[in-house]
C-alpha cells in the first residue's frame, strides 16, 4: 500500500512540473542572489595620512620620522591576513577632509609638524596626533581602531619600548576561514527544504481535490500509510533540492565543513518537519488554489523569521542544552539552521547541537499531531 502511494505521488509530482521546478530551484537562485549581494558589499575601509612633520637635523642628517609612517603601516597591513584596509598619503589636510566628506575615505591621520622633534628629544614630550572622521560612520570606527593599533606598533618600534601587552586572536572553530557569503549559506540550504511546504501540501491536497482520497480510504488505507507514502516522495524532492543548492553554493566558493552525516541527518529531520507542517496546511485547505493562496503566509514567515533569509536573535525563553528556545523555535527551521551553522561553520559534532535537534524533533511531533488530527477530521472521514 505504501509503495503504491509512493509511486503515485512521484507520478503526480512529475505532472505538477512547474511546482517541482519552483521547489528545487528557488534556493539555488537565492544562493546566486546572496553571492552577488556579498560581492557588491565587501567591506573595505580607506585611511589617509597627511604628514606635516618638518623633521629634524641630527649630525648634518635630515630625519623625518613622519615619512616612515606610511611604509610602516603598509608593512603591518601586509603582515596580517584579511585586513580590509588601504592607506595612502594625502597632499593636505583640507583635501583629505574633502575626501572624507564625499565618502572617498573613512579616516584621516594628521602627523604634527614637530613629530620627529618630539620623538628624538631627550626631554619627555608626547606628540599630539590628530584623527579626523565622521564619528557616526561605522567605516570611521573600524578604520580608527586599525589606525590606532598600527600607530601603537609604530611608536613602540621607533622609541624602542616594549609594548605593555600583545594580543593573540584565536578564531572559534572555522570562523576565521569563512566570509559573509558562507555564513548565509546554511540558512539558504534550509530554505530549499522550507520550499517543500508548497510541494508537499500540493502533493497531499491534490488527492482531495481530485476525489481520490476517499477511494483510497475505502480501500482500507490508514492515514499514516498515506502520509508515509506521500512523505517519502517529498523527502526525495527535499534531498534533491538541498543538494542542488549545496552544489550551487560550492560552485561559488562555499566549502562544506563538518561531517557529511551530520548534514544529512539535519536535512532528513528538517524535511520530515516540513512535511509534517504541510499536513497542517492540507488540513485547512481543499484545493491547489487554496494552497497557493493560504500557503504564502507560513512560507514567508518561515523564510524571513526563522533566520533563513537573514539572522535573527530573539531573547530565549529557556534553554535546551546550549540552544535558546524562543518564539522563533515555533518555526522548526530555526533550530535546523542553528544546527547546520554550528556543524558546517564551527565544525562541532552532533553532541554539541543536541538542543537544536531536540527542539526540531519536538516541533515536528507537534506538527504531526495537529496535522494528522486535522487532516483525518476534514478529509478522511467517510460518511
Protein backbone atom coordinates (compact mmCIF):
# COMPACT_ATOMS: atom_id res chain seq x y z
CA UNK A 1 0.00 0.00 0.00
CA UNK A 2 2.73 2.48 0.99
CA UNK A 3 4.80 1.66 -2.11
CA UNK A 4 1.76 2.19 -4.37
CA UNK A 5 1.08 5.58 -2.75
CA UNK A 6 4.76 6.50 -3.11
CA UNK A 7 4.80 5.68 -6.85
CA UNK A 8 1.51 7.51 -7.41
CA UNK A 9 2.86 10.56 -5.54
CA UNK A 10 6.01 10.58 -7.68
CA UNK A 11 3.91 10.49 -10.86
CA UNK A 12 1.68 13.32 -9.58
CA UNK A 13 4.80 15.34 -8.71
CA UNK A 14 6.13 14.95 -12.24
CA UNK A 15 2.75 16.03 -13.63
CA UNK A 16 2.97 19.18 -11.50
CA UNK A 17 6.19 20.02 -13.31
CA UNK A 18 6.33 23.75 -12.54
CA UNK A 19 5.71 23.21 -8.83
CA UNK A 20 8.65 20.80 -8.80
CA UNK A 21 10.86 23.29 -10.67
CA UNK A 22 9.90 26.07 -8.24
CA UNK A 23 10.65 23.86 -5.23
CA UNK A 24 14.12 22.73 -6.31
CA UNK A 25 15.25 25.96 -7.99
CA UNK A 26 14.21 28.69 -5.52
CA UNK A 27 17.05 28.13 -3.02
CA UNK A 28 19.82 27.80 -5.68
CA UNK A 29 18.52 31.07 -7.15
CA UNK A 30 18.87 32.72 -3.74
CA UNK A 31 22.43 31.37 -3.48
CA UNK A 32 23.40 33.33 -6.60
CA UNK A 33 21.50 36.43 -5.37
CA UNK A 34 23.24 36.38 -1.98
CA UNK A 35 26.60 35.78 -3.65
CA UNK A 36 26.12 38.87 -5.85
CA UNK A 37 25.00 40.91 -2.82
CA UNK A 38 28.08 39.80 -0.91
CA UNK A 39 30.40 40.59 -3.81
CA UNK A 40 28.87 44.06 -4.19
CA UNK A 41 29.08 44.84 -0.48
CA UNK A 42 32.51 43.53 0.52
CA UNK A 43 33.67 45.88 3.29
CA UNK A 44 36.76 47.93 2.55
CA UNK A 45 37.99 50.87 4.55
CA UNK A 46 40.24 53.71 3.38
CA UNK A 47 42.63 55.66 5.56
CA UNK A 48 44.62 58.79 4.66
CA UNK A 49 47.80 60.21 6.16
CA UNK A 50 48.81 63.87 5.98
CA UNK A 51 52.43 64.25 7.02
CA UNK A 52 53.09 67.77 8.33
CA UNK A 53 56.29 66.67 10.09
CA UNK A 54 59.12 69.14 9.43
CA UNK A 55 61.78 66.72 10.60
CA UNK A 56 64.97 67.47 12.48
CA UNK A 57 68.67 67.68 11.61
CA UNK A 58 70.93 65.35 13.57
CA UNK A 59 74.68 65.46 12.81
CA UNK A 60 74.06 67.08 9.43
CA UNK A 61 71.48 64.38 8.59
CA UNK A 62 67.84 65.30 7.96
CA UNK A 63 65.48 62.89 9.73
CA UNK A 64 61.74 62.83 9.14
CA UNK A 65 60.06 60.06 11.14
CA UNK A 66 56.63 61.07 9.84
CA UNK A 67 57.62 59.98 6.34
CA UNK A 68 58.23 56.45 7.65
CA UNK A 69 54.66 56.09 8.89
CA UNK A 70 53.08 55.16 5.56
CA UNK A 71 55.54 52.38 4.65
CA UNK A 72 55.43 51.19 8.27
CA UNK A 73 51.65 50.97 8.21
CA UNK A 74 51.71 49.22 4.84
CA UNK A 75 54.18 46.66 6.17
CA UNK A 76 51.85 45.99 9.11
CA UNK A 77 48.86 45.51 6.78
CA UNK A 78 50.85 43.12 4.57
CA UNK A 79 51.92 41.06 7.59
CA UNK A 80 48.32 40.50 8.71
CA UNK A 81 45.67 38.43 6.98
CA UNK A 82 42.40 39.80 5.66
CA UNK A 83 42.63 43.39 6.89
CA UNK A 84 40.09 45.23 4.68
CA UNK A 85 42.03 48.49 4.95
CA UNK A 86 44.04 50.50 2.45
CA UNK A 87 46.11 53.51 3.43
CA UNK A 88 47.69 56.24 1.34
CA UNK A 89 49.12 59.72 1.61
CA UNK A 90 47.15 62.93 1.02
CA UNK A 91 48.59 66.26 -0.08
CA UNK A 92 46.91 68.47 2.52
CA UNK A 93 44.57 68.30 5.49
CA UNK A 94 41.83 70.22 3.63
CA UNK A 95 41.99 67.91 0.60
CA UNK A 96 41.85 64.84 2.82
CA UNK A 97 38.84 66.15 4.77
CA UNK A 98 37.07 66.79 1.48
CA UNK A 99 37.51 63.13 0.56
CA UNK A 100 36.04 62.07 3.91
CA UNK A 101 33.07 64.38 3.40
CA UNK A 102 32.44 62.86 -0.04
CA UNK A 103 32.88 59.31 1.38
CA UNK A 104 36.00 58.61 -0.66
CA UNK A 105 37.88 57.94 2.58
CA UNK A 106 36.92 56.88 6.11
CA UNK A 107 39.59 58.28 8.42
CA UNK A 108 42.45 60.77 8.35
CA UNK A 109 45.62 60.70 10.46
CA UNK A 110 47.41 64.06 10.68
CA UNK A 111 51.08 64.00 11.72
CA UNK A 112 52.05 67.24 13.52
CA UNK A 113 54.94 69.46 12.46
CA UNK A 114 57.15 68.62 15.46
CA UNK A 115 56.59 64.88 15.39
CA UNK A 116 60.23 63.91 14.78
CA UNK A 117 61.48 66.50 17.23
CA UNK A 118 59.19 65.18 19.98
CA UNK A 119 60.32 61.58 19.47
CA UNK A 120 64.03 62.35 19.25
CA UNK A 121 64.09 64.90 22.02
CA UNK A 122 65.74 63.87 25.29
CA UNK A 123 63.02 65.66 27.23
CA UNK A 124 59.79 63.75 27.62
CA UNK A 125 57.33 65.23 25.19
CA UNK A 126 54.23 63.47 23.87
CA UNK A 127 53.42 64.28 20.25
CA UNK A 128 49.78 65.12 19.59
CA UNK A 129 48.41 63.31 16.56
CA UNK A 130 45.00 64.09 15.10
CA UNK A 131 42.49 61.57 13.81
CA UNK A 132 39.68 63.03 11.71
CA UNK A 133 36.47 61.33 10.60
CA UNK A 134 32.70 61.11 10.78
CA UNK A 135 32.11 59.69 14.26
CA UNK A 136 28.67 58.38 13.28
CA UNK A 137 30.14 56.25 10.48
CA UNK A 138 30.87 52.55 11.02
CA UNK A 139 33.66 52.88 8.47
CA UNK A 140 35.33 55.53 10.62
CA UNK A 141 35.02 53.49 13.82
CA UNK A 142 36.59 50.37 12.30
CA UNK A 143 39.29 52.32 10.42
CA UNK A 144 40.21 54.35 13.51
CA UNK A 145 40.71 51.17 15.52
CA UNK A 146 43.09 49.77 12.93
CA UNK A 147 44.96 53.06 12.56
CA UNK A 148 45.31 53.32 16.35
CA UNK A 149 46.69 49.78 16.57
CA UNK A 150 49.19 50.39 13.76
CA UNK A 151 50.22 53.69 15.35
CA UNK A 152 50.89 51.99 18.70
CA UNK A 153 53.03 49.38 16.95
CA UNK A 154 54.96 52.03 15.02
CA UNK A 155 55.60 54.19 18.10
CA UNK A 156 56.83 51.18 20.08
CA UNK A 157 59.32 50.38 17.31
CA UNK A 158 60.52 53.99 16.97
CA UNK A 159 61.04 54.55 20.69
CA UNK A 160 62.47 51.09 21.36
CA UNK A 161 59.94 50.47 24.10
CA UNK A 162 58.37 47.15 24.90
CA UNK A 163 54.62 47.04 24.50
CA UNK A 164 52.72 46.50 27.74
CA UNK A 165 50.83 43.63 26.16
CA UNK A 166 50.30 41.78 22.91
CA UNK A 167 47.01 40.30 21.74
CA UNK A 168 46.68 36.89 20.15
CA UNK A 169 43.46 36.40 18.22
CA UNK A 170 42.07 32.87 18.14
CA UNK A 171 39.23 32.11 15.74
CA UNK A 172 36.46 29.99 17.22
CA UNK A 173 36.00 26.84 15.20
CA UNK A 174 36.39 27.59 11.49
CA UNK A 175 35.06 31.16 11.75
CA UNK A 176 38.40 32.65 10.70
CA UNK A 177 38.28 30.85 7.36
CA UNK A 178 34.86 31.94 6.11
CA UNK A 179 33.35 35.07 4.65
CA UNK A 180 29.87 36.55 4.95
CA UNK A 181 28.54 34.57 1.98
CA UNK A 182 29.43 31.30 3.70
CA UNK A 183 27.64 32.47 6.84
CA UNK A 184 24.45 32.92 4.79
CA UNK A 185 24.64 29.53 3.06
CA UNK A 186 23.31 27.29 5.91
CA UNK A 187 20.11 29.38 6.05
CA UNK A 188 19.68 29.14 2.29
CA UNK A 189 20.23 25.37 2.42
CA UNK A 190 17.38 25.07 4.91
CA UNK A 191 15.32 27.40 2.69
CA UNK A 192 15.47 24.74 -0.02
CA UNK A 193 13.66 22.41 2.39
CA UNK A 194 11.23 25.11 3.54
CA UNK A 195 10.05 25.21 -0.08
CA UNK A 196 8.66 21.70 0.49
CA UNK A 197 5.83 23.48 2.26
CA UNK A 198 4.27 24.15 -1.16
CA UNK A 199 5.29 20.95 -2.87
CA UNK A 200 4.26 18.57 -0.07
CA UNK A 201 0.96 20.34 0.63
CA UNK A 202 0.00 20.25 -3.03
CA UNK A 203 1.02 16.57 -3.24
CA UNK A 204 -1.38 15.84 -0.37
CA UNK A 205 -4.25 18.14 -1.30
CA UNK A 206 -4.31 17.12 -4.96
CA UNK A 207 -5.70 13.77 -3.84
CA UNK A 208 -8.50 15.64 -2.05
CA UNK A 209 -9.05 17.96 -4.99
CA UNK A 210 -9.35 15.03 -7.43
CA UNK A 211 -11.54 12.99 -5.08
CA UNK A 212 -9.13 10.04 -4.99
CA UNK A 213 -8.53 10.35 -1.25
CA UNK A 214 -11.91 8.80 -0.40
CA UNK A 215 -11.34 5.89 -2.79
CA UNK A 216 -8.01 5.20 -1.10
CA UNK A 217 -9.70 5.46 2.29
CA UNK A 218 -12.39 2.95 1.23
CA UNK A 219 -9.64 0.59 0.10
CA UNK A 220 -8.55 0.26 3.73
CA UNK A 221 -5.72 2.79 3.66
CA UNK A 222 -4.77 4.29 7.01
CA UNK A 223 -3.83 7.96 7.43
CA UNK A 224 -0.27 7.10 8.44
CA UNK A 225 0.19 4.92 5.36
CA UNK A 226 -0.91 7.76 3.12
CA UNK A 227 1.41 10.16 4.91
CA UNK A 228 4.42 7.82 4.73
CA UNK A 229 3.87 7.20 1.01
CA UNK A 230 3.47 10.85 0.07
CA UNK A 231 6.08 11.98 2.61
CA UNK A 232 8.72 9.61 1.20
CA UNK A 233 8.35 11.12 -2.26
CA UNK A 234 8.56 14.63 -0.84
CA UNK A 235 11.63 13.76 1.22
CA UNK A 236 13.26 12.68 -2.02
CA UNK A 237 12.37 16.08 -3.53
CA UNK A 238 13.80 17.82 -0.46
CA UNK A 239 17.09 15.92 -0.64
CA UNK A 240 17.40 16.73 -4.36
CA UNK A 241 16.65 20.41 -3.66
CA UNK A 242 19.20 20.78 -0.85
CA UNK A 243 21.95 19.03 -2.80
CA UNK A 244 21.29 21.22 -5.83
CA UNK A 245 21.54 24.23 -3.52
CA UNK A 246 24.74 22.88 -2.00
CA UNK A 247 26.18 22.34 -5.49
CA UNK A 248 25.33 25.94 -6.44
CA UNK A 249 26.95 27.26 -3.24
CA UNK A 250 30.03 25.07 -3.71
CA UNK A 251 30.48 26.34 -7.27
CA UNK A 252 30.63 29.88 -5.85
CA UNK A 253 33.27 29.09 -3.24
CA UNK A 254 31.37 27.61 -0.31
CA UNK A 255 33.23 24.81 1.43
CA UNK A 256 31.17 22.24 3.31
CA UNK A 257 32.95 21.77 6.62
CA UNK A 258 31.98 19.32 9.29
CA UNK A 259 30.55 15.83 9.00
CA UNK A 260 28.56 14.87 5.91
CA UNK A 261 26.43 12.53 8.04
CA UNK A 262 25.56 15.36 10.40
CA UNK A 263 24.50 17.40 7.38
CA UNK A 264 22.40 14.52 6.05
CA UNK A 265 20.72 13.90 9.42
CA UNK A 266 19.75 17.57 9.77
CA UNK A 267 18.46 17.51 6.18
CA UNK A 268 16.27 14.46 6.78
CA UNK A 269 14.87 15.73 10.09
CA UNK A 270 14.07 19.13 8.59
CA UNK A 271 12.40 17.51 5.57
CA UNK A 272 10.20 15.42 7.86
CA UNK A 273 9.35 18.55 9.84
CA UNK A 274 8.30 20.49 6.72
CA UNK A 275 6.20 17.54 5.52
CA UNK A 276 4.51 17.44 8.92
CA UNK A 277 3.77 21.17 8.73
CA UNK A 278 2.44 20.68 5.20
CA UNK A 279 -0.12 18.30 6.67
CA UNK A 280 -1.45 21.19 8.78
CA UNK A 281 -1.79 23.32 5.64
CA UNK A 282 -3.51 20.46 3.86
CA UNK A 283 -5.96 20.18 6.76
CA UNK A 284 -7.12 23.80 6.34
CA UNK A 285 -7.33 23.81 2.54
CA UNK A 286 -9.43 21.93 -0.01
CA UNK A 287 -7.80 22.68 -3.37
CA UNK A 288 -4.48 23.54 -5.00
CA UNK A 289 -5.73 27.11 -5.42
CA UNK A 290 -6.30 27.32 -1.67
CA UNK A 291 -2.75 26.10 -1.06
CA UNK A 292 -1.25 28.72 -3.40
CA UNK A 293 -3.12 31.47 -1.53
CA UNK A 294 -3.06 30.33 2.11
CA UNK A 295 0.40 28.75 1.90
CA UNK A 296 2.12 32.06 1.18
CA UNK A 297 1.65 33.29 4.75
CA UNK A 298 3.51 30.49 6.59
CA UNK A 299 6.04 30.27 3.76
CA UNK A 300 7.11 33.88 4.20
CA UNK A 301 7.04 33.55 7.98
CA UNK A 302 9.45 30.61 7.77
CA UNK A 303 11.62 32.36 5.18
CA UNK A 304 12.05 35.69 6.94
CA UNK A 305 11.60 34.94 10.64
CA UNK A 306 13.30 31.58 11.06
CA UNK A 307 16.69 33.02 10.12
CA UNK A 308 16.79 31.57 6.60
CA UNK A 309 16.87 34.96 4.84
CA UNK A 310 18.74 36.96 7.49
CA UNK A 311 19.90 36.26 11.05
CA UNK A 312 17.51 36.93 13.94
CA UNK A 313 18.45 36.52 17.61
CA UNK A 314 15.35 36.76 19.82
CA UNK A 315 15.54 36.54 23.59
CA UNK A 316 15.43 32.95 24.83
CA UNK A 317 12.54 31.71 26.97
CA UNK A 318 14.56 28.76 28.27
CA UNK A 319 17.43 26.55 27.15
CA UNK A 320 17.70 23.04 25.79
CA UNK A 321 21.39 22.40 26.31
CA UNK A 322 23.07 25.40 24.66
CA UNK A 323 20.13 26.21 22.40
CA UNK A 324 17.88 29.06 23.48
CA UNK A 325 14.21 28.26 22.85
CA UNK A 326 12.16 31.31 21.83
CA UNK A 327 9.15 32.19 19.68
CA UNK A 328 11.40 31.56 16.69
CA UNK A 329 11.61 27.87 17.64
CA UNK A 330 7.90 27.52 16.81
CA UNK A 331 9.19 27.51 13.24
CA UNK A 332 11.21 24.29 13.21
CA UNK A 333 13.52 25.67 10.52
CA UNK A 334 15.12 27.92 13.17
CA UNK A 335 16.79 25.15 15.23
CA UNK A 336 17.67 23.39 11.95
CA UNK A 337 19.52 26.49 10.72
CA UNK A 338 21.29 26.89 14.06
CA UNK A 339 22.39 23.24 14.00
CA UNK A 340 23.62 23.46 10.40
CA UNK A 341 25.56 26.67 11.10
CA UNK A 342 27.32 25.08 14.06
CA UNK A 343 28.20 21.87 12.24
CA UNK A 344 29.27 23.49 8.96
CA UNK A 345 30.95 26.66 10.31
CA UNK A 346 32.09 25.86 13.84
CA UNK A 347 32.94 22.27 12.96
CA UNK A 348 31.17 20.82 16.02
CA UNK A 349 29.67 17.35 16.27
CA UNK A 350 26.10 16.22 16.76
CA UNK A 351 26.56 16.10 20.53
CA UNK A 352 27.06 19.88 20.51
CA UNK A 353 23.78 20.53 18.67
CA UNK A 354 21.67 18.22 20.80
CA UNK A 355 19.47 21.11 21.95
CA UNK A 356 18.71 22.14 18.38
CA UNK A 357 17.93 18.58 17.30
CA UNK A 358 15.70 18.04 20.33
CA UNK A 359 13.77 21.25 19.56
CA UNK A 360 13.45 20.21 15.90
CA UNK A 361 12.10 16.76 16.79
CA UNK A 362 9.73 18.20 19.40
CA UNK A 363 8.24 20.75 16.98
CA UNK A 364 7.94 18.05 14.29
CA UNK A 365 5.96 15.87 16.70
CA UNK A 366 3.63 18.80 17.43
CA UNK A 367 3.15 19.44 13.70
CA UNK A 368 2.34 15.77 13.12
CA UNK A 369 -0.15 15.61 15.99
CA UNK A 370 -2.02 18.71 14.82
CA UNK A 371 -1.78 17.80 11.13
CA UNK A 372 -2.92 14.20 11.50
CA UNK A 373 -5.86 15.19 13.68
CA UNK A 374 -6.94 17.99 11.34
CA UNK A 375 -6.40 16.02 8.12
CA UNK A 376 -8.18 12.94 9.43
CA UNK A 377 -11.11 15.03 10.63
CA UNK A 378 -11.53 17.08 7.47
CA UNK A 379 -10.51 14.83 4.60
CA UNK A 380 -10.50 11.19 5.71
CA UNK A 381 -13.88 10.80 7.34
CA UNK A 382 -16.21 8.54 5.40
CA UNK A 383 -19.95 9.07 5.61
